[in-house]
Amino acid sequence: MAHYQLCAVSTCYTRVLPKGAGSALEKGTPLIAQLRLMPEVTKHFDEAGLRTLVDPAGYLGTSREMVDRMLARG
């Protein structure tokens, strides 16, 4: 994976995915549907890349922290 792709993945996990998750929760839509609407995501990831981003196998290790952050948002 190229350096810019690794940076894009890192930014996605720390900034963009939480934003997309919040929007998906508010609208009652799947996360991947929200990500498809976000130009900051689609300029870096094709459909296969999006599916990788939302694959729970890639982030279950931080699920507790993610839940805590979402609950703290109110």
C-alpha atoms as a PDB file:
ATOM      1  CA  MET A   1       0.000   0.000   0.000  1.00  0.00           C
ATOM      2  CA  ALA A   2       1.399   3.410  -0.946  1.00  0.00           C
ATOM      3  CA  HIS A   3       2.240   5.969   1.742  1.00  0.00           C
ATOM      4  CA  TYR A   4      -0.598   8.294   0.722  1.00  0.00           C
ATOM      5  CA  GLN A   5      -3.034   5.383   1.007  1.00  0.00           C
ATOM      6  CA  LEU A   6      -1.805   4.586   4.515  1.00  0.00           C
ATOM      7  CA  CYS A   7      -2.268   8.238   5.479  1.00  0.00           C
ATOM      8  CA  ALA A   8      -5.749   8.192   3.988  1.00  0.00           C
ATOM      9  CA  VAL A   9      -6.633   5.063   5.969  1.00  0.00           C
ATOM     10  CA  SER A  10      -5.270   6.564   9.183  1.00  0.00           C
ATOM     11  CA  THR A  11      -7.225   9.787   8.677  1.00  0.00           C
ATOM     12  CA  CYS A  12     -10.334   7.801   7.817  1.00  0.00           C
ATOM     13  CA  TYR A  13     -10.201   5.779  11.016  1.00  0.00           C
ATOM     14  CA  THR A  14      -9.492   8.739  13.293  1.00  0.00           C
ATOM     15  CA  ARG A  15     -11.548  11.531  11.728  1.00  0.00           C
ATOM     16  CA  VAL A  16     -13.778  10.532   8.865  1.00  0.00           C
ATOM     17  CA  LEU A  17     -15.283   7.251  10.072  1.00  0.00           C
ATOM     18  CA  PRO A  18     -16.517   8.766  13.339  1.00  0.00           C
ATOM     19  CA  LYS A  19     -18.126  11.609  11.352  1.00  0.00           C
ATOM     20  CA  GLY A  20     -19.742   9.117   8.980  1.00  0.00           C
ATOM     21  CA  ALA A  21     -20.847   6.914  11.853  1.00  0.00           C
ATOM     22  CA  GLY A  22     -22.518   9.847  13.583  1.00  0.00           C
ATOM     23  CA  SER A  23     -24.355  10.787  10.399  1.00  0.00           C
ATOM     24  CA  ALA A  24     -25.408   7.194   9.783  1.00  0.00           C
ATOM     25  CA  LEU A  25     -26.709   6.909  13.328  1.00  0.00           C
ATOM     26  CA  GLU A  26     -28.661  10.159  13.067  1.00  0.00           C
ATOM     27  CA  LYS A  27     -30.172   9.212   9.707  1.00  0.00           C
ATOM     28  CA  GLY A  28     -30.666   5.527  10.425  1.00  0.00           C
ATOM     29  CA  THR A  29     -28.602   4.480   7.399  1.00  0.00           C
ATOM     30  CA  PRO A  30     -25.766   1.980   7.053  1.00  0.00           C
ATOM     31  CA  LEU A  31     -22.290   3.424   7.590  1.00  0.00           C
ATOM     32  CA  ILE A  32     -21.134   2.412   4.122  1.00  0.00           C
ATOM     33  CA  ALA A  33     -24.039   4.358   2.584  1.00  0.00           C
ATOM     34  CA  GLN A  34     -22.903   7.503   4.414  1.00  0.00           C
ATOM     35  CA  LEU A  35     -19.288   6.974   3.389  1.00  0.00           C
ATOM     36  CA  ARG A  36     -20.321   6.726  -0.265  1.00  0.00           C
ATOM     37  CA  LEU A  37     -21.719  10.274   0.061  1.00  0.00           C
ATOM     38  CA  MET A  38     -18.524  11.747   1.507  1.00  0.00           C
ATOM     39  CA  PRO A  39     -16.123  13.121  -1.141  1.00  0.00           C
ATOM     40  CA  GLU A  40     -13.246  13.048   1.377  1.00  0.00           C
ATOM     41  CA  VAL A  41     -13.696   9.275   1.445  1.00  0.00           C
ATOM     42  CA  THR A  42     -14.562   8.465  -2.161  1.00  0.00           C
ATOM     43  CA  LYS A  43     -11.578  10.357  -3.549  1.00  0.00           C
ATOM     44  CA  HIS A  44      -9.332   7.804  -1.807  1.00  0.00           C
ATOM     45  CA  PHE A  45     -11.382   4.605  -1.718  1.00  0.00           C
ATOM     46  CA  ASP A  46     -13.254   2.608  -4.314  1.00  0.00           C
ATOM     47  CA  GLU A  47     -16.113   0.251  -3.383  1.00  0.00           C
ATOM     48  CA  ALA A  48     -13.735  -2.532  -2.318  1.00  0.00           C
ATOM     49  CA  GLY A  49     -11.810  -0.063  -0.162  1.00  0.00           C
ATOM     50  CA  LEU A  50     -15.021   1.141   1.452  1.00  0.00           C
ATOM     51  CA  ARG A  51     -15.994  -2.419   2.271  1.00  0.00           C
ATOM     52  CA  THR A  52     -12.586  -2.906   3.892  1.00  0.00           C
ATOM     53  CA  LEU A  53     -13.045   0.238   5.974  1.00  0.00           C
ATOM     54  CA  VAL A  54     -16.363  -0.942   7.390  1.00  0.00           C
ATOM     55  CA  ASP A  55     -15.281  -4.561   7.901  1.00  0.00           C
ATOM     56  CA  PRO A  56     -15.489  -5.150  11.676  1.00  0.00           C
ATOM     57  CA  ALA A  57     -12.456  -7.412  11.529  1.00  0.00           C
ATOM     58  CA  GLY A  58     -10.344  -4.317  10.944  1.00  0.00           C
ATOM     59  CA  TYR A  59     -11.358  -2.356  14.015  1.00  0.00           C
ATOM     60  CA  LEU A  60     -12.903  -4.592  16.659  1.00  0.00           C
ATOM     61  CA  GLY A  61      -9.773  -4.160  18.734  1.00  0.00           C
ATOM     62  CA  THR A  62     -10.796  -0.555  19.379  1.00  0.00           C
ATOM     63  CA  SER A  63     -14.529  -1.149  19.653  1.00  0.00           C
ATOM     64  CA  ARG A  64     -14.670  -0.213  23.339  1.00  0.00           C
ATOM     65  CA  GLU A  65     -13.017   3.145  22.670  1.00  0.00           C
ATOM     66  CA  MET A  66     -15.272   3.780  19.674  1.00  0.00           C
ATOM     67  CA  VAL A  67     -18.406   3.065  21.702  1.00  0.00           C
ATOM     68  CA  ASP A  68     -17.194   5.301  24.533  1.00  0.00           C
ATOM     69  CA  ARG A  69     -16.591   8.177  22.090  1.00  0.00           C
ATOM     70  CA  MET A  70     -20.022   7.772  20.483  1.00  0.00           C
ATOM     71  CA  LEU A  71     -21.748   7.672  23.878  1.00  0.00           C
ATOM     72  CA  ALA A  72     -19.833  10.751  25.024  1.00  0.00           C
ATOM     73  CA  ARG A  73     -21.183  12.655  22.017  1.00  0.00           C
ATOM     74  CA  GLY A  74     -24.635  12.302  23.511  1.00  0.00           C
END
